[in-house]
Amino acid sequence: MTTTPEIAPPFFDMMSRIKLRHCASVGAGPRVLGRVWVHGEGKVHVGDGVVFDARNAPIELMAHRGGELHIGSGVCIESGASVEAAGRLVIGSAARLGSFCKILDNPLHPLRGDRHQRPESRRVTVEDGAEIGAHAILLPGARVRAGAVVPDGAVVSRPFGKASTVAGTSTREPDDGIASDPPAAEIPNGTWTVAQRKLRGAVEILLGTWYLHGCERGRHVRASGRVRVANQGRIRLGDRCTFIGGMIPTELTCGPTASIEIGAECVFNYYVTIDARESVRIGSRAIFGSGVRILDHGRGGVAPVRIEDDVWVAHGAVIEPGVTIGRGSVVSAGTVVSSDVPPDSLAIGNPVRCMSLELRSSEPAAGTRRPRGAAVSA
């Protein structure tokens, strides 16, 4: 973890404040090393002496409309971390957030029904002096108690404290961090708003043409940020595919004689990786959260990957070679999918376990963890 430096000189303090200019409030002595991406229509509050060490990768602070993100005094946040508030999310004083950790208080999509309708938020709190490990994920409902240490790669969505530092086994709601538009009732009416959205759509189609010029594209393919394409085979994108821009670009890599086929109306958050040596096929209307990795090659060799229609793959999940994910299924945050997932199932954990979405919809949320060890629970 990064150690807290001494108070920055006046010039450095001024530059740090410029980088944090989109925050609603900033305390004394902020220190920003690298880029901090502050966005959203909500409010971000930063306390005294907060350190943002973004030298290796940008840091994301996002508050959706009506949301509030509060970062206490003396907090240290490392490269690649992302904190996203749709309701109220609090990081306590002297807490430490490890590199590429993800914290968010809203899944942004329901398990069943219309996945573009945002569900209610569940408050997330990191108490004073707590530490969140590298690549850890805190989901809605998580509360990390004062002084607790969340292990690297853990996924947590319930109270977590000193008594729970030994890993256990449980389940939780998926989450992905896709920055969806606010519900229709929250969008103001008016000709100007409609014009703005049409203009934004036109710009994103132009960006899609630019960034994805090495691919076969359907109609109205959009990109709102960088997408890196390395295509030696064949990449086909269906109508109205959307690539959401962010602090780290999405990457599409297709080797010689390989193919990547993506169906219509799929949505990809930033920092998604698709790497094909043989074949990756994705159906229509699939949703992918940030940090998702899809590879058809690994230590065990090369085998095609198939993801069917209406699948939701949440933040930080890994899809391994030879896997088929059935229609309508959900892959929960941080899951490593190493075997087939039946249709209309929820896939959880590492090794992956599957259950019916109908059964899961009636259960409370909980937490698991990522590849580097067993699950964590309260």
Protein backbone atom coordinates (compact mmCIF):
# COMPACT_ATOMS: atom_id res chain seq x y z
CA MET A 1 0.00 0.00 0.00
CA THR A 2 1.07 3.58 -0.65
CA THR A 3 2.24 5.47 2.42
CA THR A 4 0.87 8.90 3.22
CA PRO A 5 3.35 11.60 2.14
CA GLU A 6 4.03 14.88 3.85
CA ILE A 7 1.93 17.94 3.05
CA ALA A 8 2.49 18.92 -0.58
CA PRO A 9 4.04 22.30 -1.50
CA PRO A 10 1.65 25.06 -2.68
CA PHE A 11 2.22 24.50 -6.42
CA PHE A 12 1.60 20.75 -6.14
CA ASP A 13 -1.47 21.46 -4.02
CA MET A 14 -2.82 23.76 -6.73
CA MET A 15 -2.22 21.19 -9.48
CA SER A 16 -3.92 18.51 -7.40
CA ARG A 17 -6.95 20.75 -6.92
CA ILE A 18 -7.13 21.36 -10.66
CA LYS A 19 -7.23 17.59 -11.24
CA LEU A 20 -10.03 17.33 -8.63
CA ARG A 21 -11.95 20.35 -9.92
CA HIS A 22 -15.09 18.33 -10.68
CA CYS A 23 -15.46 17.32 -7.02
CA ALA A 24 -18.17 19.06 -4.98
CA SER A 25 -15.65 19.75 -2.19
CA VAL A 26 -11.93 19.10 -1.56
CA GLY A 27 -10.21 19.39 1.81
CA ALA A 28 -6.74 20.69 2.63
CA GLY A 29 -3.53 19.18 1.23
CA PRO A 30 -4.77 16.79 -1.48
CA ARG A 31 -2.06 14.89 -3.37
CA VAL A 32 -2.73 13.60 -6.88
CA LEU A 33 -0.08 11.61 -8.73
CA GLY A 34 -1.31 10.86 -12.23
CA ARG A 35 -4.87 11.15 -13.50
CA VAL A 36 -8.06 11.05 -11.44
CA TRP A 37 -11.25 10.76 -13.50
CA VAL A 38 -14.11 12.46 -11.62
CA HIS A 39 -17.45 12.27 -13.41
CA GLY A 40 -21.20 11.81 -13.04
CA GLU A 41 -24.03 14.17 -12.09
CA GLY A 42 -23.86 13.47 -8.35
CA LYS A 43 -21.49 14.86 -5.70
CA VAL A 44 -17.98 13.72 -4.78
CA HIS A 45 -16.55 15.03 -1.47
CA VAL A 46 -12.84 14.61 -0.68
CA GLY A 47 -11.45 15.14 2.84
CA ASP A 48 -8.11 16.53 4.04
CA GLY A 49 -4.81 14.99 2.95
CA VAL A 50 -6.25 12.37 0.59
CA VAL A 51 -3.61 10.69 -1.62
CA PHE A 52 -4.46 9.51 -5.14
CA ASP A 53 -1.53 7.46 -6.45
CA ALA A 54 -2.56 7.03 -10.09
CA ARG A 55 0.94 6.78 -11.56
CA ASN A 56 0.35 3.30 -13.04
CA ALA A 57 -3.31 3.68 -14.08
CA PRO A 58 -6.05 6.32 -13.71
CA ILE A 59 -8.37 6.35 -10.68
CA GLU A 60 -12.14 6.67 -11.18
CA LEU A 61 -14.50 8.55 -8.84
CA MET A 62 -18.10 8.54 -10.04
CA ALA A 63 -21.37 9.73 -8.51
CA HIS A 64 -24.54 9.10 -10.49
CA ARG A 65 -27.35 11.64 -10.46
CA GLY A 66 -28.57 11.91 -6.86
CA GLY A 67 -25.59 9.93 -5.55
CA GLU A 68 -22.98 11.05 -3.03
CA LEU A 69 -19.44 9.75 -2.59
CA HIS A 70 -17.67 10.79 0.63
CA ILE A 71 -13.92 10.15 1.00
CA GLY A 72 -12.58 10.81 4.51
CA SER A 73 -9.35 12.49 5.58
CA GLY A 74 -6.03 10.70 5.11
CA VAL A 75 -7.38 8.10 2.67
CA CYS A 76 -4.89 6.53 0.21
CA ILE A 77 -6.20 5.29 -3.12
CA GLU A 78 -3.93 3.36 -5.51
CA SER A 79 -3.74 3.10 -9.29
CA GLY A 80 -6.70 1.73 -11.21
CA ALA A 81 -9.15 1.88 -8.28
CA SER A 82 -12.77 2.70 -9.14
CA VAL A 83 -15.39 3.98 -6.68
CA GLU A 84 -18.95 4.47 -7.95
CA ALA A 85 -21.91 5.83 -5.96
CA ALA A 86 -25.54 5.79 -7.07
CA GLY A 87 -26.81 6.33 -3.51
CA ARG A 88 -24.53 7.11 -0.56
CA LEU A 89 -21.06 5.57 -0.40
CA VAL A 90 -18.63 6.41 2.41
CA ILE A 91 -14.87 5.78 2.66
CA GLY A 92 -13.75 6.42 6.25
CA SER A 93 -10.68 8.31 7.42
CA ALA A 94 -7.24 6.72 6.93
CA ALA A 95 -8.72 3.89 4.83
CA ARG A 96 -6.61 2.42 2.03
CA LEU A 97 -7.90 1.24 -1.33
CA GLY A 98 -5.64 -1.13 -3.27
CA SER A 99 -4.85 -1.04 -6.96
CA PHE A 100 -7.66 -1.92 -9.35
CA CYS A 101 -10.18 -2.48 -6.57
CA LYS A 102 -13.83 -1.76 -7.43
CA ILE A 103 -16.40 -0.34 -5.00
CA LEU A 104 -20.02 0.37 -5.95
CA ASP A 105 -23.40 0.58 -4.24
CA ASN A 106 -25.76 -0.32 -7.09
CA PRO A 107 -25.77 -3.34 -9.45
CA LEU A 108 -27.26 -1.05 -12.17
CA HIS A 109 -29.10 -4.04 -13.65
CA PRO A 110 -31.64 -6.47 -12.09
CA LEU A 111 -31.18 -10.24 -12.27
CA ARG A 112 -34.46 -10.72 -14.11
CA GLY A 113 -36.65 -8.60 -16.35
CA ASP A 114 -35.50 -5.43 -18.07
CA ARG A 115 -31.77 -5.23 -17.30
CA HIS A 116 -31.64 -1.60 -18.37
CA GLN A 117 -33.78 -0.55 -15.40
CA ARG A 118 -31.68 0.44 -12.40
CA PRO A 119 -32.61 -1.24 -9.07
CA GLU A 120 -32.39 0.45 -5.68
CA SER A 121 -28.97 1.19 -4.21
CA ARG A 122 -27.66 -0.45 -1.03
CA ARG A 123 -25.29 1.61 1.08
CA VAL A 124 -21.60 0.71 1.08
CA THR A 125 -19.30 1.82 3.91
CA VAL A 126 -15.56 1.40 4.40
CA GLU A 127 -14.90 2.37 8.01
CA ASP A 128 -11.89 4.22 9.43
CA GLY A 129 -8.53 2.54 8.94
CA ALA A 130 -9.86 -0.35 6.85
CA GLU A 131 -7.80 -1.71 3.96
CA ILE A 132 -9.19 -2.99 0.66
CA GLY A 133 -6.81 -5.31 -1.19
CA ALA A 134 -5.75 -5.08 -4.81
CA HIS A 135 -8.41 -6.22 -7.30
CA ALA A 136 -10.97 -6.64 -4.49
CA ILE A 137 -14.63 -5.89 -5.26
CA LEU A 138 -17.11 -4.36 -2.78
CA LEU A 139 -20.71 -4.82 -3.91
CA PRO A 140 -23.96 -3.19 -2.70
CA GLY A 141 -24.52 -3.86 1.01
CA ALA A 142 -20.82 -4.21 1.87
CA ARG A 143 -19.60 -2.75 5.18
CA VAL A 144 -15.92 -3.13 5.99
CA ARG A 145 -15.44 -2.52 9.69
CA ALA A 146 -12.78 -0.28 11.17
CA GLY A 147 -9.28 -1.71 10.83
CA ALA A 148 -10.40 -4.75 8.84
CA VAL A 149 -8.28 -5.96 5.91
CA VAL A 150 -10.09 -7.28 2.84
CA PRO A 151 -7.76 -9.74 1.03
CA ASP A 152 -6.54 -9.16 -2.50
CA GLY A 153 -9.12 -10.29 -5.03
CA ALA A 154 -11.94 -10.70 -2.49
CA VAL A 155 -15.58 -9.96 -3.39
CA VAL A 156 -17.69 -8.71 -0.46
CA SER A 157 -21.33 -7.58 -0.20
CA ARG A 158 -22.09 -7.95 3.53
CA PRO A 159 -20.54 -6.76 6.83
CA PHE A 160 -16.90 -7.76 7.01
CA GLY A 161 -14.70 -7.35 10.07
CA LYS A 162 -11.92 -8.81 12.15
CA ALA A 163 -13.92 -11.93 12.96
CA SER A 164 -14.32 -12.63 9.23
CA THR A 165 -10.75 -12.38 7.98
CA VAL A 166 -10.68 -16.17 7.44
CA ALA A 167 -12.16 -16.98 4.04
CA GLY A 168 -15.49 -18.76 3.85
CA THR A 169 -18.05 -19.63 1.19
CA SER A 170 -21.18 -17.72 0.23
CA THR A 171 -23.04 -16.11 -2.65
CA ARG A 172 -23.91 -12.57 -3.66
CA GLU A 173 -25.66 -10.39 -6.18
CA PRO A 174 -23.69 -9.67 -9.35
CA ASP A 175 -22.48 -6.21 -10.21
CA ASP A 176 -20.70 -4.67 -13.13
CA GLY A 177 -20.38 -0.92 -12.88
CA ILE A 178 -21.75 -0.08 -16.31
CA ALA A 179 -22.54 3.61 -16.29
CA SER A 180 -26.11 3.34 -17.54
CA ASP A 181 -28.31 6.33 -18.23
CA PRO A 182 -30.62 7.35 -15.36
CA PRO A 183 -34.17 5.89 -15.33
CA ALA A 184 -36.52 7.53 -17.77
CA ALA A 185 -38.47 9.30 -15.01
CA GLU A 186 -35.29 11.14 -13.97
CA ILE A 187 -34.43 12.44 -17.45
CA PRO A 188 -35.78 15.96 -17.93
CA ASN A 189 -38.09 16.46 -20.89
CA GLY A 190 -37.61 19.09 -23.54
CA THR A 191 -36.41 19.64 -27.05
CA TRP A 192 -32.91 20.62 -25.91
CA THR A 193 -32.43 17.37 -23.98
CA VAL A 194 -33.56 15.32 -26.98
CA ALA A 195 -31.21 17.29 -29.21
CA GLN A 196 -28.32 16.72 -26.82
CA ARG A 197 -28.88 12.98 -26.78
CA LYS A 198 -29.10 12.83 -30.58
CA LEU A 199 -25.89 14.84 -30.89
CA ARG A 200 -24.13 12.59 -28.41
CA GLY A 201 -25.33 9.54 -30.32
CA ALA A 202 -24.03 10.94 -33.59
CA VAL A 203 -20.63 11.68 -32.04
CA GLU A 204 -20.42 8.15 -30.59
CA ILE A 205 -21.21 6.63 -34.00
CA LEU A 206 -18.39 8.69 -35.52
CA LEU A 207 -16.03 7.55 -32.74
CA GLY A 208 -17.13 3.96 -33.34
CA THR A 209 -16.24 4.32 -37.00
CA TRP A 210 -12.81 5.68 -36.05
CA TYR A 211 -11.82 3.28 -33.27
CA LEU A 212 -13.38 0.18 -34.86
CA HIS A 213 -12.39 0.80 -38.48
CA GLY A 214 -10.50 -2.53 -38.50
CA CYS A 215 -13.74 -4.46 -37.87
CA GLU A 216 -16.79 -5.39 -39.94
CA ARG A 217 -19.49 -3.20 -38.40
CA GLY A 218 -23.25 -3.27 -38.48
CA ARG A 219 -25.38 -0.13 -38.32
CA HIS A 220 -25.02 2.49 -35.58
CA VAL A 221 -22.10 0.89 -33.73
CA ARG A 222 -21.04 3.35 -31.01
CA ALA A 223 -17.97 4.09 -28.92
CA SER A 224 -17.77 6.83 -26.29
CA GLY A 225 -14.06 6.23 -25.60
CA ARG A 226 -10.98 4.42 -26.81
CA VAL A 227 -11.15 0.85 -28.12
CA ARG A 228 -7.91 -0.86 -29.15
CA VAL A 229 -8.25 -3.29 -32.04
CA ALA A 230 -5.56 -5.74 -33.18
CA ASN A 231 -7.20 -7.73 -35.96
CA GLN A 232 -5.34 -10.35 -37.99
CA GLY A 233 -8.43 -12.47 -38.50
CA ARG A 234 -12.08 -11.44 -38.65
CA ILE A 235 -14.04 -9.28 -36.19
CA ARG A 236 -17.75 -8.74 -36.87
CA LEU A 237 -19.89 -6.36 -34.78
CA GLY A 238 -23.68 -6.45 -34.94
CA ASP A 239 -26.06 -3.50 -35.22
CA ARG A 240 -26.13 -0.97 -32.37
CA CYS A 241 -23.26 -2.44 -30.37
CA THR A 242 -22.02 0.05 -27.76
CA PHE A 243 -18.53 0.43 -26.27
CA ILE A 244 -18.58 2.66 -23.20
CA GLY A 245 -15.47 4.77 -22.78
CA GLY A 246 -13.56 4.87 -19.52
CA MET A 247 -10.20 5.29 -17.85
CA ILE A 248 -8.75 2.12 -19.47
CA PRO A 249 -9.66 1.18 -23.05
CA THR A 250 -11.36 -2.01 -24.15
CA GLU A 251 -9.17 -4.34 -26.26
CA LEU A 252 -10.24 -6.63 -29.10
CA THR A 253 -7.44 -8.95 -30.23
CA CYS A 254 -7.99 -11.47 -33.03
CA GLY A 255 -5.16 -13.72 -34.21
CA PRO A 256 -4.53 -15.05 -37.73
CA THR A 257 -7.42 -17.25 -39.00
CA ALA A 258 -9.34 -16.51 -35.75
CA SER A 259 -12.76 -14.84 -35.48
CA ILE A 260 -14.70 -12.68 -33.04
CA GLU A 261 -18.44 -12.39 -33.71
CA ILE A 262 -20.59 -10.07 -31.58
CA GLY A 263 -24.37 -9.89 -31.98
CA ALA A 264 -26.65 -6.87 -32.10
CA GLU A 265 -27.22 -4.45 -29.20
CA CYS A 266 -24.40 -5.71 -26.99
CA VAL A 267 -22.98 -3.28 -24.42
CA PHE A 268 -19.35 -3.29 -23.27
CA ASN A 269 -18.09 -1.21 -20.38
CA TYR A 270 -14.49 0.05 -20.40
CA TYR A 271 -11.48 -2.24 -19.80
CA VAL A 272 -13.05 -5.35 -21.37
CA THR A 273 -10.57 -7.74 -23.01
CA ILE A 274 -11.55 -10.17 -25.78
CA ASP A 275 -8.62 -12.22 -27.10
CA ALA A 276 -9.26 -14.90 -29.74
CA ARG A 277 -6.85 -17.41 -31.25
CA GLU A 278 -9.68 -19.53 -32.70
CA SER A 279 -13.22 -18.32 -32.04
CA VAL A 280 -15.21 -16.13 -29.64
CA ARG A 281 -18.94 -15.83 -30.42
CA ILE A 282 -21.26 -13.54 -28.47
CA GLY A 283 -25.02 -13.42 -29.04
CA SER A 284 -27.33 -10.42 -29.07
CA ARG A 285 -28.13 -8.03 -26.19
CA ALA A 286 -25.29 -9.24 -23.96
CA ILE A 287 -23.95 -6.86 -21.27
CA PHE A 288 -20.34 -6.81 -20.07
CA GLY A 289 -19.06 -4.98 -17.00
CA SER A 290 -15.68 -3.31 -16.67
CA GLY A 291 -12.61 -5.50 -16.32
CA VAL A 292 -14.20 -8.58 -17.92
CA ARG A 293 -11.72 -10.91 -19.69
CA ILE A 294 -12.75 -13.38 -22.41
CA LEU A 295 -10.02 -15.67 -23.79
CA ASP A 296 -10.23 -18.78 -25.95
CA HIS A 297 -6.65 -19.82 -25.15
CA GLY A 298 -4.71 -20.63 -22.01
CA ARG A 299 -2.44 -23.22 -20.41
CA GLY A 300 -4.85 -25.98 -21.37
CA GLY A 301 -4.76 -25.05 -25.06
CA VAL A 302 -7.16 -23.32 -27.45
CA ALA A 303 -10.94 -23.90 -27.46
CA PRO A 304 -13.82 -21.74 -28.76
CA VAL A 305 -15.94 -19.60 -26.41
CA ARG A 306 -19.67 -19.13 -26.95
CA ILE A 307 -21.83 -16.62 -25.06
CA GLU A 308 -25.50 -16.78 -26.02
CA ASP A 309 -28.19 -14.08 -26.17
CA ASP A 310 -29.17 -11.88 -23.20
CA VAL A 311 -26.23 -12.84 -20.99
CA TRP A 312 -24.90 -10.41 -18.35
CA VAL A 313 -21.23 -10.79 -17.38
CA ALA A 314 -20.48 -8.63 -14.34
CA HIS A 315 -17.39 -6.66 -13.32
CA GLY A 316 -14.06 -8.48 -13.18
CA ALA A 317 -15.34 -11.87 -14.38
CA VAL A 318 -13.07 -14.16 -16.43
CA ILE A 319 -14.38 -16.43 -19.19
CA GLU A 320 -11.94 -19.26 -19.90
CA PRO A 321 -11.40 -21.34 -23.08
CA GLY A 322 -14.00 -23.88 -24.19
CA VAL A 323 -16.88 -22.37 -22.19
CA THR A 324 -20.49 -21.96 -23.33
CA ILE A 325 -22.72 -19.59 -21.34
CA GLY A 326 -26.41 -20.28 -21.92
CA ARG A 327 -29.05 -17.78 -22.95
CA GLY A 328 -30.26 -15.36 -20.26
CA SER A 329 -27.61 -16.31 -17.68
CA VAL A 330 -25.73 -14.00 -15.31
CA VAL A 331 -22.05 -14.30 -14.41
CA SER A 332 -21.49 -12.65 -11.04
CA ALA A 333 -18.69 -10.20 -10.23
CA GLY A 334 -15.21 -11.71 -9.98
CA THR A 335 -16.34 -15.17 -11.12
CA VAL A 336 -13.97 -17.39 -13.11
CA VAL A 337 -16.05 -19.40 -15.59
CA SER A 338 -14.12 -22.59 -16.36
CA SER A 339 -17.09 -24.84 -17.26
CA ASP A 340 -20.37 -24.45 -19.12
CA VAL A 341 -23.19 -22.36 -17.62
CA PRO A 342 -26.74 -23.62 -18.34
CA PRO A 343 -29.37 -21.18 -19.67
CA ASP A 344 -31.12 -18.92 -17.12
CA SER A 345 -28.51 -19.61 -14.46
CA LEU A 346 -26.43 -17.56 -12.04
CA ALA A 347 -22.72 -18.43 -12.13
CA ILE A 348 -20.72 -17.67 -8.98
CA GLY A 349 -17.19 -18.05 -7.64
CA ASN A 350 -14.02 -19.99 -8.40
CA PRO A 351 -14.45 -22.84 -9.01
CA VAL A 352 -17.67 -21.72 -10.64
CA ARG A 353 -21.01 -22.88 -9.22
CA CYS A 354 -24.34 -22.48 -10.99
CA MET A 355 -27.88 -22.11 -9.68
CA SER A 356 -31.25 -21.28 -11.19
CA LEU A 357 -31.95 -17.56 -11.49
CA GLU A 358 -35.47 -18.22 -10.24
CA LEU A 359 -34.12 -19.71 -7.00
CA ARG A 360 -31.46 -17.01 -6.62
CA SER A 361 -33.96 -14.16 -7.01
CA SER A 362 -35.57 -15.12 -3.66
CA GLU A 363 -32.28 -15.29 -1.68
CA PRO A 364 -30.40 -12.50 0.13
CA ALA A 365 -27.19 -11.11 -1.34
CA ALA A 366 -23.82 -12.21 0.01
CA GLY A 367 -20.14 -12.19 -1.00
CA THR A 368 -17.57 -14.44 -2.63
CA ARG A 369 -14.09 -13.95 -3.91
CA ARG A 370 -11.92 -14.04 -6.96
CA PRO A 371 -9.30 -16.39 -8.35
CA ARG A 372 -6.56 -15.96 -5.79
CA GLY A 373 -8.29 -17.83 -2.97
CA ALA A 374 -11.49 -18.96 -1.30
CA ALA A 375 -14.56 -16.82 -0.77
CA VAL A 376 -14.93 -14.24 1.98
CA SER A 377 -18.08 -13.88 4.05
CA ALA A 378 -19.34 -12.12 7.13
